PDB file of N, CA and C in Angstrom:
ATOM      1  N   MET A   1      20.514 -13.765 -38.510  1.00  0.00           N
ATOM      2  CA  MET A   1      21.412 -12.628 -38.570  1.00  0.00           C
ATOM      3  C   MET A   1      22.737 -13.027 -37.954  1.00  0.00           C
ATOM      4  N   ASP A   2      23.813 -12.720 -38.615  1.00  0.00           N
ATOM      5  CA  ASP A   2      25.150 -13.032 -38.155  1.00  0.00           C
ATOM      6  C   ASP A   2      25.649 -11.893 -37.267  1.00  0.00           C
ATOM      7  N   ILE A   3      26.246 -12.206 -36.127  1.00  0.00           N
ATOM      8  CA  ILE A   3      26.737 -11.189 -35.196  1.00  0.00           C
ATOM      9  C   ILE A   3      28.241 -11.339 -35.051  1.00  0.00           C
ATOM     10  N   LYS A   4      28.962 -10.230 -35.189  1.00  0.00           N
ATOM     11  CA  LYS A   4      30.407 -10.236 -35.011  1.00  0.00           C
ATOM     12  C   LYS A   4      30.792  -9.089 -34.097  1.00  0.00           C
ATOM     13  N   CYS A   5      31.807  -9.313 -33.282  1.00  0.00           N
ATOM     14  CA  CYS A   5      32.345  -8.280 -32.398  1.00  0.00           C
ATOM     15  C   CYS A   5      33.794  -8.021 -32.767  1.00  0.00           C
ATOM     16  N   ILE A   6      34.173  -6.761 -32.743  1.00  0.00           N
ATOM     17  CA  ILE A   6      35.548  -6.370 -32.999  1.00  0.00           C
ATOM     18  C   ILE A   6      35.987  -5.511 -31.835  1.00  0.00           C
ATOM     19  N   SER A   7      37.157  -5.777 -31.308  1.00  0.00           N
ATOM     20  CA  SER A   7      37.675  -4.995 -30.201  1.00  0.00           C
ATOM     21  C   SER A   7      38.969  -4.327 -30.623  1.00  0.00           C
ATOM     22  N   SER A   8      38.947  -3.069 -30.880  1.00  0.00           N
ATOM     23  CA  SER A   8      40.061  -2.214 -31.302  1.00  0.00           C
ATOM     24  C   SER A   8      40.997  -2.877 -32.295  1.00  0.00           C
ATOM     25  N   SER A   9      42.021  -2.155 -32.703  1.00  0.00           N
ATOM     26  CA  SER A   9      42.932  -2.719 -33.680  1.00  0.00           C
ATOM     27  C   SER A   9      43.842  -3.742 -33.009  1.00  0.00           C
ATOM     28  N   SER A  10      44.122  -4.769 -33.728  1.00  0.00           N
ATOM     29  CA  SER A  10      44.919  -5.869 -33.213  1.00  0.00           C
ATOM     30  C   SER A  10      46.310  -5.828 -33.825  1.00  0.00           C
ATOM     31  N   SER A  11      47.290  -6.339 -33.116  1.00  0.00           N
ATOM     32  CA  SER A  11      48.633  -6.403 -33.679  1.00  0.00           C
ATOM     33  C   SER A  11      48.734  -7.508 -34.729  1.00  0.00           C
ATOM     34  N   PHE A  12      47.769  -8.429 -34.736  1.00  0.00           N
ATOM     35  CA  PHE A  12      47.795  -9.526 -35.692  1.00  0.00           C
ATOM     36  C   PHE A  12      46.994  -9.217 -36.948  1.00  0.00           C
ATOM     37  N   ILE A  13      45.791  -8.670 -36.777  1.00  0.00           N
ATOM     38  CA  ILE A  13      44.939  -8.318 -37.920  1.00  0.00           C
ATOM     39  C   ILE A  13      44.511  -6.869 -37.739  1.00  0.00           C
ATOM     40  N   PRO A  14      44.974  -5.972 -38.593  1.00  0.00           N
ATOM     41  CA  PRO A  14      44.571  -4.570 -38.448  1.00  0.00           C
ATOM     42  C   PRO A  14      43.057  -4.429 -38.508  1.00  0.00           C
ATOM     43  N   PHE A  15      42.483  -3.578 -37.636  1.00  0.00           N
ATOM     44  CA  PHE A  15      41.032  -3.385 -37.577  1.00  0.00           C
ATOM     45  C   PHE A  15      40.402  -3.152 -38.935  1.00  0.00           C
ATOM     46  N   PRO A  16      40.913  -2.214 -39.744  1.00  0.00           N
ATOM     47  CA  PRO A  16      40.216  -1.947 -41.026  1.00  0.00           C
ATOM     48  C   PRO A  16      40.083  -3.193 -41.893  1.00  0.00           C
ATOM     49  N   LEU A  17      41.129  -3.991 -41.971  1.00  0.00           N
ATOM     50  CA  LEU A  17      41.089  -5.211 -42.776  1.00  0.00           C
ATOM     51  C   LEU A  17      40.071  -6.192 -42.199  1.00  0.00           C
ATOM     52  N   LEU A  18      40.088  -6.355 -40.890  1.00  0.00           N
ATOM     53  CA  LEU A  18      39.157  -7.259 -40.223  1.00  0.00           C
ATOM     54  C   LEU A  18      37.717  -6.818 -40.431  1.00  0.00           C
ATOM     55  N   ALA A  19      37.443  -5.531 -40.258  1.00  0.00           N
ATOM     56  CA  ALA A  19      36.075  -5.020 -40.410  1.00  0.00           C
ATOM     57  C   ALA A  19      35.565  -5.248 -41.821  1.00  0.00           C
ATOM     58  N   VAL A  20      36.364  -4.926 -42.808  1.00  0.00           N
ATOM     59  CA  VAL A  20      35.929  -5.105 -44.197  1.00  0.00           C
ATOM     60  C   VAL A  20      35.728  -6.582 -44.491  1.00  0.00           C
ATOM     61  N   ALA A  21      36.594  -7.440 -43.986  1.00  0.00           N
ATOM     62  CA  ALA A  21      36.446  -8.880 -44.211  1.00  0.00           C
ATOM     63  C   ALA A  21      35.157  -9.394 -43.589  1.00  0.00           C
ATOM     64  N   LEU A  22      34.783  -8.878 -42.436  1.00  0.00           N
ATOM     65  CA  LEU A  22      33.583  -9.347 -41.759  1.00  0.00           C
ATOM     66  C   LEU A  22      32.300  -8.900 -42.439  1.00  0.00           C
ATOM     67  N   ILE A  23      32.300  -7.720 -43.038  1.00  0.00           N
ATOM     68  CA  ILE A  23      31.045  -7.183 -43.547  1.00  0.00           C
ATOM     69  C   ILE A  23      30.856  -7.300 -45.044  1.00  0.00           C
ATOM     70  N   THR A  24      31.907  -7.550 -45.798  1.00  0.00           N
ATOM     71  CA  THR A  24      31.777  -7.626 -47.249  1.00  0.00           C
ATOM     72  C   THR A  24      30.811  -8.742 -47.634  1.00  0.00           C
ATOM     73  N   GLY A  25      29.800  -8.385 -48.391  1.00  0.00           N
ATOM     74  CA  GLY A  25      28.860  -9.369 -48.907  1.00  0.00           C
ATOM     75  C   GLY A  25      27.858  -9.877 -47.896  1.00  0.00           C
ATOM     76  N   THR A  26      27.717  -9.211 -46.771  1.00  0.00           N
ATOM     77  CA  THR A  26      26.768  -9.664 -45.754  1.00  0.00           C
ATOM     78  C   THR A  26      25.904  -8.485 -45.300  1.00  0.00           C
ATOM     79  N   PRO A  27      24.910  -8.112 -46.085  1.00  0.00           N
ATOM     80  CA  PRO A  27      24.119  -6.924 -45.784  1.00  0.00           C
ATOM     81  C   PRO A  27      23.296  -6.997 -44.508  1.00  0.00           C
ATOM     82  N   SER A  28      23.022  -8.182 -43.985  1.00  0.00           N
ATOM     83  CA  SER A  28      22.201  -8.273 -42.775  1.00  0.00           C
ATOM     84  C   SER A  28      23.058  -8.424 -41.518  1.00  0.00           C
ATOM     85  N   ARG A  29      24.337  -8.225 -41.641  1.00  0.00           N
ATOM     86  CA  ARG A  29      25.249  -8.419 -40.515  1.00  0.00           C
ATOM     87  C   ARG A  29      25.058  -7.377 -39.430  1.00  0.00           C
ATOM     88  N   LEU A  30      25.055  -7.830 -38.186  1.00  0.00           N
ATOM     89  CA  LEU A  30      25.069  -6.958 -37.022  1.00  0.00           C
ATOM     90  C   LEU A  30      26.521  -6.900 -36.567  1.00  0.00           C
ATOM     91  N   LEU A  31      27.070  -5.707 -36.507  1.00  0.00           N
ATOM     92  CA  LEU A  31      28.472  -5.552 -36.158  1.00  0.00           C
ATOM     93  C   LEU A  31      28.602  -4.706 -34.909  1.00  0.00           C
ATOM     94  N   LYS A  32      29.391  -5.185 -33.932  1.00  0.00           N
ATOM     95  CA  LYS A  32      29.661  -4.444 -32.700  1.00  0.00           C
ATOM     96  C   LYS A  32      31.153  -4.154 -32.666  1.00  0.00           C
ATOM     97  N   ILE A  33      31.497  -2.891 -32.507  1.00  0.00           N
ATOM     98  CA  ILE A  33      32.907  -2.491 -32.500  1.00  0.00           C
ATOM     99  C   ILE A  33      33.202  -1.808 -31.171  1.00  0.00           C
ATOM    100  N   PHE A  34      34.200  -2.306 -30.464  1.00  0.00           N
ATOM    101  CA  PHE A  34      34.580  -1.760 -29.169  1.00  0.00           C
ATOM    102  C   PHE A  34      35.953  -1.092 -29.260  1.00  0.00           C
ATOM    103  N   LEU A  35      36.202  -0.136 -28.377  1.00  0.00           N
ATOM    104  CA  LEU A  35      37.504   0.503 -28.218  1.00  0.00           C
ATOM    105  C   LEU A  35      38.002   1.206 -29.479  1.00  0.00           C
ATOM    106  N   SER A  36      37.108   1.734 -30.279  1.00  0.00           N
ATOM    107  CA  SER A  36      37.507   2.372 -31.530  1.00  0.00           C
ATOM    108  C   SER A  36      36.840   3.721 -31.762  1.00  0.00           C
ATOM    109  N   ILE A  37      36.127   4.242 -30.782  1.00  0.00           N
ATOM    110  CA  ILE A  37      35.395   5.493 -30.985  1.00  0.00           C
ATOM    111  C   ILE A  37      36.334   6.656 -31.277  1.00  0.00           C
ATOM    112  N   SER A  38      37.558   6.601 -30.767  1.00  0.00           N
ATOM    113  CA  SER A  38      38.507   7.690 -30.997  1.00  0.00           C
ATOM    114  C   SER A  38      38.939   7.790 -32.457  1.00  0.00           C
ATOM    115  N   MET A  39      38.694   6.737 -33.226  1.00  0.00           N
ATOM    116  CA  MET A  39      39.030   6.774 -34.657  1.00  0.00           C
ATOM    117  C   MET A  39      37.773   6.594 -35.512  1.00  0.00           C
ATOM    118  N   ILE A  40      36.715   7.292 -35.120  1.00  0.00           N
ATOM    119  CA  ILE A  40      35.413   7.152 -35.778  1.00  0.00           C
ATOM    120  C   ILE A  40      35.471   7.414 -37.285  1.00  0.00           C
ATOM    121  N   ASP A  41      36.283   8.376 -37.709  1.00  0.00           N
ATOM    122  CA  ASP A  41      36.370   8.660 -39.150  1.00  0.00           C
ATOM    123  C   ASP A  41      36.923   7.463 -39.924  1.00  0.00           C
ATOM    124  N   LYS A  42      37.960   6.832 -39.396  1.00  0.00           N
ATOM    125  CA  LYS A  42      38.543   5.653 -40.052  1.00  0.00           C
ATOM    126  C   LYS A  42      37.554   4.483 -40.037  1.00  0.00           C
ATOM    127  N   VAL A  43      36.873   4.316 -38.925  1.00  0.00           N
ATOM    128  CA  VAL A  43      35.890   3.238 -38.808  1.00  0.00           C
ATOM    129  C   VAL A  43      34.793   3.416 -39.862  1.00  0.00           C
ATOM    130  N   VAL A  44      34.249   4.627 -39.963  1.00  0.00           N
ATOM    131  CA  VAL A  44      33.187   4.905 -40.931  1.00  0.00           C
ATOM    132  C   VAL A  44      33.671   4.667 -42.360  1.00  0.00           C
ATOM    133  N   ALA A  45      34.882   5.106 -42.661  1.00  0.00           N
ATOM    134  CA  ALA A  45      35.420   4.918 -44.024  1.00  0.00           C
ATOM    135  C   ALA A  45      35.506   3.436 -44.366  1.00  0.00           C
ATOM    136  N   LYS A  46      35.980   2.622 -43.426  1.00  0.00           N
ATOM    137  CA  LYS A  46      36.100   1.190 -43.687  1.00  0.00           C
ATOM    138  C   LYS A  46      34.728   0.510 -43.745  1.00  0.00           C
ATOM    139  N   LEU A  47      33.824   0.934 -42.882  1.00  0.00           N
ATOM    140  CA  LEU A  47      32.478   0.362 -42.928  1.00  0.00           C
ATOM    141  C   LEU A  47      31.790   0.707 -44.243  1.00  0.00           C
ATOM    142  N   ARG A  48      31.960   1.928 -44.704  1.00  0.00           N
ATOM    143  CA  ARG A  48      31.351   2.345 -45.964  1.00  0.00           C
ATOM    144  C   ARG A  48      31.876   1.494 -47.119  1.00  0.00           C
ATOM    145  N   SER A  49      33.176   1.232 -47.136  1.00  0.00           N
ATOM    146  CA  SER A  49      33.731   0.431 -48.234  1.00  0.00           C
ATOM    147  C   SER A  49      33.279  -1.030 -48.133  1.00  0.00           C
ATOM    148  N   GLY A  50      33.056  -1.512 -46.926  1.00  0.00           N
ATOM    149  CA  GLY A  50      32.619  -2.893 -46.756  1.00  0.00           C
ATOM    150  C   GLY A  50      31.147  -3.098 -47.036  1.00  0.00           C
ATOM    151  N   TYR A  51      30.306  -2.216 -46.481  1.00  0.00           N
ATOM    152  CA  TYR A  51      28.858  -2.351 -46.678  1.00  0.00           C
ATOM    153  C   TYR A  51      28.435  -1.925 -48.077  1.00  0.00           C
ATOM    154  N   GLY A  52      29.110  -0.932 -48.634  1.00  0.00           N
ATOM    155  CA  GLY A  52      28.756  -0.462 -49.970  1.00  0.00           C
ATOM    156  C   GLY A  52      27.447   0.302 -50.019  1.00  0.00           C
ATOM    157  N   ARG A  53      26.909   0.672 -48.862  1.00  0.00           N
ATOM    158  CA  ARG A  53      25.666   1.444 -48.805  1.00  0.00           C
ATOM    159  C   ARG A  53      25.609   2.173 -47.467  1.00  0.00           C
ATOM    160  N   ASN A  54      24.675   3.079 -47.341  1.00  0.00           N
ATOM    161  CA  ASN A  54      24.493   3.835 -46.121  1.00  0.00           C
ATOM    162  C   ASN A  54      23.659   3.001 -45.150  1.00  0.00           C
ATOM    163  N   VAL A  55      24.236   2.576 -44.026  1.00  0.00           N
ATOM    164  CA  VAL A  55      23.528   1.744 -43.065  1.00  0.00           C
ATOM    165  C   VAL A  55      23.369   2.474 -41.731  1.00  0.00           C
ATOM    166  N   PRO A  56      22.384   2.071 -40.936  1.00  0.00           N
ATOM    167  CA  PRO A  56      22.202   2.676 -39.620  1.00  0.00           C
ATOM    168  C   PRO A  56      23.369   2.348 -38.679  1.00  0.00           C
ATOM    169  N   VAL A  57      23.704   3.341 -37.847  1.00  0.00           N
ATOM    170  CA  VAL A  57      24.783   3.192 -36.881  1.00  0.00           C
ATOM    171  C   VAL A  57      24.324   3.791 -35.555  1.00  0.00           C
ATOM    172  N   ALA A  58      24.650   3.139 -34.451  1.00  0.00           N
ATOM    173  CA  ALA A  58      24.394   3.695 -33.129  1.00  0.00           C
ATOM    174  C   ALA A  58      25.702   3.693 -32.353  1.00  0.00           C
ATOM    175  N   VAL A  59      25.926   4.750 -31.606  1.00  0.00           N
ATOM    176  CA  VAL A  59      27.068   4.816 -30.704  1.00  0.00           C
ATOM    177  C   VAL A  59      26.493   4.911 -29.298  1.00  0.00           C
ATOM    178  N   VAL A  60      26.868   3.949 -28.459  1.00  0.00           N
ATOM    179  CA  VAL A  60      26.377   3.936 -27.082  1.00  0.00           C
ATOM    180  C   VAL A  60      27.566   4.222 -26.162  1.00  0.00           C
ATOM    181  N   GLU A  61      27.477   5.352 -25.507  1.00  0.00           N
ATOM    182  CA  GLU A  61      28.528   5.755 -24.573  1.00  0.00           C
ATOM    183  C   GLU A  61      28.114   5.350 -23.161  1.00  0.00           C
ATOM    184  N   ARG A  62      29.041   4.745 -22.431  1.00  0.00           N
ATOM    185  CA  ARG A  62      28.805   4.328 -21.049  1.00  0.00           C
ATOM    186  C   ARG A  62      27.531   3.477 -20.914  1.00  0.00           C
ATOM    187  N   ALA A  63      27.448   2.437 -21.720  1.00  0.00           N
ATOM    188  CA  ALA A  63      26.270   1.556 -21.710  1.00  0.00           C
ATOM    189  C   ALA A  63      26.007   1.018 -20.308  1.00  0.00           C
ATOM    190  N   THR A  64      24.770   1.073 -19.897  1.00  0.00           N
ATOM    191  CA  THR A  64      24.230   0.615 -18.609  1.00  0.00           C
ATOM    192  C   THR A  64      24.573   1.525 -17.432  1.00  0.00           C
ATOM    193  N   TRP A  65      25.360   2.566 -17.633  1.00  0.00           N
ATOM    194  CA  TRP A  65      25.665   3.493 -16.550  1.00  0.00           C
ATOM    195  C   TRP A  65      24.500   4.474 -16.412  1.00  0.00           C
ATOM    196  N   ASP A  66      24.444   5.174 -15.299  1.00  0.00           N
ATOM    197  CA  ASP A  66      23.383   6.164 -15.086  1.00  0.00           C
ATOM    198  C   ASP A  66      23.420   7.281 -16.127  1.00  0.00           C
ATOM    199  N   ASN A  67      24.611   7.604 -16.615  1.00  0.00           N
ATOM    200  CA  ASN A  67      24.748   8.691 -17.590  1.00  0.00           C
ATOM    201  C   ASN A  67      24.964   8.174 -19.018  1.00  0.00           C
ATOM    202  N   GLU A  68      24.360   7.034 -19.329  1.00  0.00           N
ATOM    203  CA  GLU A  68      24.436   6.463 -20.679  1.00  0.00           C
ATOM    204  C   GLU A  68      23.893   7.447 -21.710  1.00  0.00           C
ATOM    205  N   ARG A  69      24.575   7.498 -22.856  1.00  0.00           N
ATOM    206  CA  ARG A  69      24.071   8.293 -23.991  1.00  0.00           C
ATOM    207  C   ARG A  69      24.098   7.421 -25.235  1.00  0.00           C
ATOM    208  N   CYS A  70      23.105   7.622 -26.100  1.00  0.00           N
ATOM    209  CA  CYS A  70      23.025   6.873 -27.348  1.00  0.00           C
ATOM    210  C   CYS A  70      22.828   7.860 -28.491  1.00  0.00           C
ATOM    211  N   ILE A  71      23.703   7.782 -29.472  1.00  0.00           N
ATOM    212  CA  ILE A  71      23.621   8.620 -30.665  1.00  0.00           C
ATOM    213  C   ILE A  71      23.270   7.705 -31.828  1.00  0.00           C
ATOM    214  N   ILE A  72      22.212   8.023 -32.540  1.00  0.00           N
ATOM    215  CA  ILE A  72      21.788   7.200 -33.679  1.00  0.00           C
ATOM    216  C   ILE A  72      21.920   8.009 -34.955  1.00  0.00           C
ATOM    217  N   GLY A  73      22.460   7.383 -35.978  1.00  0.00           N
ATOM    218  CA  GLY A  73      22.617   8.034 -37.270  1.00  0.00           C
ATOM    219  C   GLY A  73      22.835   6.994 -38.346  1.00  0.00           C
ATOM    220  N   THR A  74      23.567   7.401 -39.353  1.00  0.00           N
ATOM    221  CA  THR A  74      23.924   6.515 -40.462  1.00  0.00           C
ATOM    222  C   THR A  74      25.404   6.717 -40.746  1.00  0.00           C
ATOM    223  N   LEU A  75      25.941   5.930 -41.654  1.00  0.00           N
ATOM    224  CA  LEU A  75      27.342   6.133 -42.025  1.00  0.00           C
ATOM    225  C   LEU A  75      27.580   7.548 -42.542  1.00  0.00           C
ATOM    226  N   ASP A  76      26.550   8.178 -43.103  1.00  0.00           N
ATOM    227  CA  ASP A  76      26.709   9.536 -43.632  1.00  0.00           C
ATOM    228  C   ASP A  76      26.909  10.592 -42.554  1.00  0.00           C
ATOM    229  N   ASP A  77      26.323  10.389 -41.364  1.00  0.00           N
ATOM    230  CA  ASP A  77      26.353  11.474 -40.380  1.00  0.00           C
ATOM    231  C   ASP A  77      26.846  11.111 -38.983  1.00  0.00           C
ATOM    232  N   ILE A  78      27.151   9.848 -38.726  1.00  0.00           N
ATOM    233  CA  ILE A  78      27.475   9.450 -37.356  1.00  0.00           C
ATOM    234  C   ILE A  78      28.777  10.069 -36.853  1.00  0.00           C
ATOM    235  N   ALA A  79      29.775  10.198 -37.691  1.00  0.00           N
ATOM    236  CA  ALA A  79      31.046  10.780 -37.240  1.00  0.00           C
ATOM    237  C   ALA A  79      30.846  12.212 -36.752  1.00  0.00           C
ATOM    238  N   ASP A  80      30.082  12.997 -37.498  1.00  0.00           N
ATOM    239  CA  ASP A  80      29.809  14.378 -37.087  1.00  0.00           C
ATOM    240  C   ASP A  80      29.006  14.417 -35.789  1.00  0.00           C
ATOM    241  N   LYS A  81      28.034  13.524 -35.652  1.00  0.00           N
ATOM    242  CA  LYS A  81      27.218  13.489 -34.435  1.00  0.00           C
ATOM    243  C   LYS A  81      28.059  13.106 -33.210  1.00  0.00           C
ATOM    244  N   VAL A  82      28.975  12.165 -33.384  1.00  0.00           N
ATOM    245  CA  VAL A  82      29.843  11.737 -32.286  1.00  0.00           C
ATOM    246  C   VAL A  82      30.758  12.884 -31.859  1.00  0.00           C
ATOM    247  N   LYS A  83      31.312  13.581 -32.836  1.00  0.00           N
ATOM    248  CA  LYS A  83      32.189  14.717 -32.517  1.00  0.00           C
ATOM    249  C   LYS A  83      31.410  15.843 -31.848  1.00  0.00           C
ATOM    250  N   GLU A  84      30.215  16.121 -32.335  1.00  0.00           N
ATOM    251  CA  GLU A  84      29.373  17.161 -31.745  1.00  0.00           C
ATOM    252  C   GLU A  84      29.024  16.820 -30.291  1.00  0.00           C
ATOM    253  N   ALA A  85      28.797  15.544 -30.016  1.00  0.00           N
ATOM    254  CA  ALA A  85      28.467  15.099 -28.664  1.00  0.00           C
ATOM    255  C   ALA A  85      29.713  14.954 -27.786  1.00  0.00           C
ATOM    256  N   LYS A  86      30.887  15.122 -28.388  1.00  0.00           N
ATOM    257  CA  LYS A  86      32.168  15.016 -27.680  1.00  0.00           C
ATOM    258  C   LYS A  86      32.360  13.652 -27.013  1.00  0.00           C
ATOM    259  N   ILE A  87      32.006  12.613 -27.749  1.00  0.00           N
ATOM    260  CA  ILE A  87      32.213  11.250 -27.259  1.00  0.00           C
ATOM    261  C   ILE A  87      33.594  10.801 -27.733  1.00  0.00           C
ATOM    262  N   THR A  88      34.477  10.497 -26.789  1.00  0.00           N
ATOM    263  CA  THR A  88      35.852  10.133 -27.135  1.00  0.00           C
ATOM    264  C   THR A  88      36.304   8.801 -26.549  1.00  0.00           C
ATOM    265  N   LYS A  89      35.551   8.249 -25.600  1.00  0.00           N
ATOM    266  CA  LYS A  89      35.906   6.943 -25.023  1.00  0.00           C
ATOM    267  C   LYS A  89      34.697   6.329 -24.343  1.00  0.00           C
ATOM    268  N   CYS A  90      34.875   5.126 -23.843  1.00  0.00           N
ATOM    269  CA  CYS A  90      33.799   4.378 -23.158  1.00  0.00           C
ATOM    270  C   CYS A  90      32.558   4.247 -24.027  1.00  0.00           C
ATOM    271  N   ALA A  91      32.753   3.937 -25.300  1.00  0.00           N
ATOM    272  CA  ALA A  91      31.615   3.829 -26.214  1.00  0.00           C
ATOM    273  C   ALA A  91      31.792   2.636 -27.143  1.00  0.00           C
ATOM    274  N   GLN A  92      30.669   2.057 -27.520  1.00  0.00           N
ATOM    275  CA  GLN A  92      30.671   0.994 -28.519  1.00  0.00           C
ATOM    276  C   GLN A  92      29.930   1.477 -29.751  1.00  0.00           C
ATOM    277  N   ILE A  93      30.326   0.956 -30.887  1.00  0.00           N
ATOM    278  CA  ILE A  93      29.712   1.313 -32.165  1.00  0.00           C
ATOM    279  C   ILE A  93      28.929   0.092 -32.633  1.00  0.00           C
ATOM    280  N   LEU A  94      27.655   0.281 -32.890  1.00  0.00           N
ATOM    281  CA  LEU A  94      26.786  -0.796 -33.370  1.00  0.00           C
ATOM    282  C   LEU A  94      26.355  -0.464 -34.792  1.00  0.00           C
ATOM    283  N   VAL A  95      26.413  -1.437 -35.678  1.00  0.00           N
ATOM    284  CA  VAL A  95      26.111  -1.204 -37.079  1.00  0.00           C
ATOM    285  C   VAL A  95      25.157  -2.264 -37.589  1.00  0.00           C
ATOM    286  N   GLY A  96      24.104  -1.845 -38.287  1.00  0.00           N
ATOM    287  CA  GLY A  96      23.199  -2.806 -38.900  1.00  0.00           C
ATOM    288  C   GLY A  96      21.780  -2.296 -39.011  1.00  0.00           C
ATOM    289  N   ASP A  97      20.995  -3.024 -39.766  1.00  0.00           N
ATOM    290  CA  ASP A  97      19.607  -2.616 -40.026  1.00  0.00           C
ATOM    291  C   ASP A  97      18.687  -2.816 -38.828  1.00  0.00           C
ATOM    292  N   PHE A  98      19.167  -3.445 -37.756  1.00  0.00           N
ATOM    293  CA  PHE A  98      18.359  -3.626 -36.550  1.00  0.00           C
ATOM    294  C   PHE A  98      18.180  -2.311 -35.780  1.00  0.00           C
ATOM    295  N   ILE A  99      19.005  -1.325 -36.070  1.00  0.00           N
ATOM    296  CA  ILE A  99      18.976  -0.047 -35.344  1.00  0.00           C
ATOM    297  C   ILE A  99      17.776   0.778 -35.798  1.00  0.00           C
ATOM    298  N   ASP A 100      17.083   1.335 -34.839  1.00  0.00           N
ATOM    299  CA  ASP A 100      15.958   2.232 -35.095  1.00  0.00           C
ATOM    300  C   ASP A 100      14.840   1.553 -35.889  1.00  0.00           C
ATOM    301  N   CYS A 101      14.539   0.298 -35.531  1.00  0.00           N
ATOM    302  CA  CYS A 101      13.449  -0.412 -36.184  1.00  0.00           C
ATOM    303  C   CYS A 101      12.440  -0.852 -35.132  1.00  0.00           C
ATOM    304  N   ASP A 102      11.275  -1.253 -35.555  1.00  0.00           N
ATOM    305  CA  ASP A 102      10.243  -1.717 -34.633  1.00  0.00           C
ATOM    306  C   ASP A 102      10.493  -3.180 -34.268  1.00  0.00           C
ATOM    307  N   TYR A 103      10.375  -3.490 -33.003  1.00  0.00           N
ATOM    308  CA  TYR A 103      10.525  -4.863 -32.548  1.00  0.00           C
ATOM    309  C   TYR A 103       9.830  -5.003 -31.200  1.00  0.00           C
ATOM    310  N   ASP A 104       9.546  -6.234 -30.828  1.00  0.00           N
ATOM    311  CA  ASP A 104       8.981  -6.521 -29.516  1.00  0.00           C
ATOM    312  C   ASP A 104      10.118  -6.838 -28.564  1.00  0.00           C
ATOM    313  N   LYS A 105      10.102  -6.230 -27.390  1.00  0.00           N
ATOM    314  CA  LYS A 105      11.134  -6.501 -26.397  1.00  0.00           C
ATOM    315  C   LYS A 105      10.961  -7.902 -25.834  1.00  0.00           C
ATOM    316  N   SER A 106      12.072  -8.500 -25.467  1.00  0.00           N
ATOM    317  CA  SER A 106      12.060  -9.831 -24.872  1.00  0.00           C
ATOM    318  C   SER A 106      11.337  -9.799 -23.530  1.00  0.00           C
ATOM    319  N   LEU A 107      10.620 -10.860 -23.239  1.00  0.00           N
ATOM    320  CA  LEU A 107       9.941 -10.992 -21.957  1.00  0.00           C
ATOM    321  C   LEU A 107      10.769 -11.784 -20.943  1.00  0.00           C
ATOM    322  N   LEU A 108      11.976 -12.163 -21.306  1.00  0.00           N
ATOM    323  CA  LEU A 108      12.792 -13.030 -20.462  1.00  0.00           C
ATOM    324  C   LEU A 108      12.914 -12.524 -19.035  1.00  0.00           C
ATOM    325  N   TYR A 109      13.089 -11.220 -18.840  1.00  0.00           N
ATOM    326  CA  TYR A 109      13.264 -10.678 -17.494  1.00  0.00           C
ATOM    327  C   TYR A 109      11.997 -10.020 -16.952  1.00  0.00           C
ATOM    328  N   ASP A 110      10.908 -10.135 -17.659  1.00  0.00           N
ATOM    329  CA  ASP A 110       9.637  -9.578 -17.205  1.00  0.00           C
ATOM    330  C   ASP A 110       9.124 -10.421 -16.036  1.00  0.00           C
ATOM    331  N   LYS A 111       8.746  -9.762 -14.942  1.00  0.00           N
ATOM    332  CA  LYS A 111       8.317 -10.504 -13.748  1.00  0.00           C
ATOM    333  C   LYS A 111       7.041 -11.305 -13.986  1.00  0.00           C
ATOM    334  N   ASN A 112       6.295 -10.992 -15.033  1.00  0.00           N
ATOM    335  CA  ASN A 112       5.053 -11.708 -15.340  1.00  0.00           C
ATOM    336  C   ASN A 112       5.253 -12.862 -16.328  1.00  0.00           C
ATOM    337  N   PHE A 113       6.493 -13.144 -16.662  1.00  0.00           N
ATOM    338  CA  PHE A 113       6.813 -14.168 -17.657  1.00  0.00           C
ATOM    339  C   PHE A 113       7.351 -15.408 -16.954  1.00  0.00           C
ATOM    340  N   THR A 114       6.822 -16.572 -17.299  1.00  0.00           N
ATOM    341  CA  THR A 114       7.273 -17.835 -16.732  1.00  0.00           C
ATOM    342  C   THR A 114       8.168 -18.550 -17.734  1.00  0.00           C
ATOM    343  N   HIS A 115       9.279 -19.083 -17.225  1.00  0.00           N
ATOM    344  CA  HIS A 115      10.136 -19.934 -18.048  1.00  0.00           C
ATOM    345  C   HIS A 115      10.658 -21.063 -17.167  1.00  0.00           C
ATOM    346  N   MET A 116      11.486 -21.926 -17.687  1.00  0.00           N
ATOM    347  CA  MET A 116      11.875 -23.142 -16.966  1.00  0.00           C
ATOM    348  C   MET A 116      12.667 -22.888 -15.680  1.00  0.00           C
ATOM    349  N   PHE A 117      13.202 -21.689 -15.512  1.00  0.00           N
ATOM    350  CA  PHE A 117      13.982 -21.390 -14.313  1.00  0.00           C
ATOM    351  C   PHE A 117      13.250 -20.512 -13.306  1.00  0.00           C
ATOM    352  N   ARG A 118      12.105 -19.968 -13.683  1.00  0.00           N
ATOM    353  CA  ARG A 118      11.400 -19.041 -12.783  1.00  0.00           C
ATOM    354  C   ARG A 118       9.938 -18.952 -13.151  1.00  0.00           C
ATOM    355  N   GLY A 119       9.101 -18.934 -12.126  1.00  0.00           N
ATOM    356  CA  GLY A 119       7.671 -18.740 -12.354  1.00  0.00           C
ATOM    357  C   GLY A 119       7.326 -17.262 -12.322  1.00  0.00           C
ATOM    358  N   ALA A 120       6.247 -16.905 -12.944  1.00  0.00           N
ATOM    359  CA  ALA A 120       5.793 -15.507 -12.954  1.00  0.00           C
ATOM    360  C   ALA A 120       5.326 -15.094 -11.571  1.00  0.00           C
ATOM    361  N   LYS A 121       5.541 -13.837 -11.237  1.00  0.00           N
ATOM    362  CA  LYS A 121       5.038 -13.299  -9.977  1.00  0.00           C
ATOM    363  C   LYS A 121       3.623 -12.793 -10.194  1.00  0.00           C
ATOM    364  N   GLU A 122       2.784 -12.965  -9.201  1.00  0.00           N
ATOM    365  CA  GLU A 122       1.394 -12.526  -9.342  1.00  0.00           C
ATOM    366  C   GLU A 122       1.187 -11.177  -8.697  1.00  0.00           C
TER     367      GLU A 122
END
């Protein structure tokens, strides 16, 4: 899976052009967009034109903070959900089929897992 990060609009490459260039023809792409939640409607419009289909989207507000919130939807409904939740800043937009799917969590930080830098605790 290819991973790309975008951080708000740039003075060199406008965000919409960059986003469409990154996602066109790559249906398994994981896309992370930062500093753009205030323009969620524009982001969704560009993602829709790039992906060409309805894909899962998650918006994580204040990630890792005590008051973290996560809104999960699709390109069809995420803008409305974000507005309803009144999320206007401190949020990242995650796009891709990895959202809301079954997976096994990594054991890397599990205290019972041994790796080359740390032994498991008993």
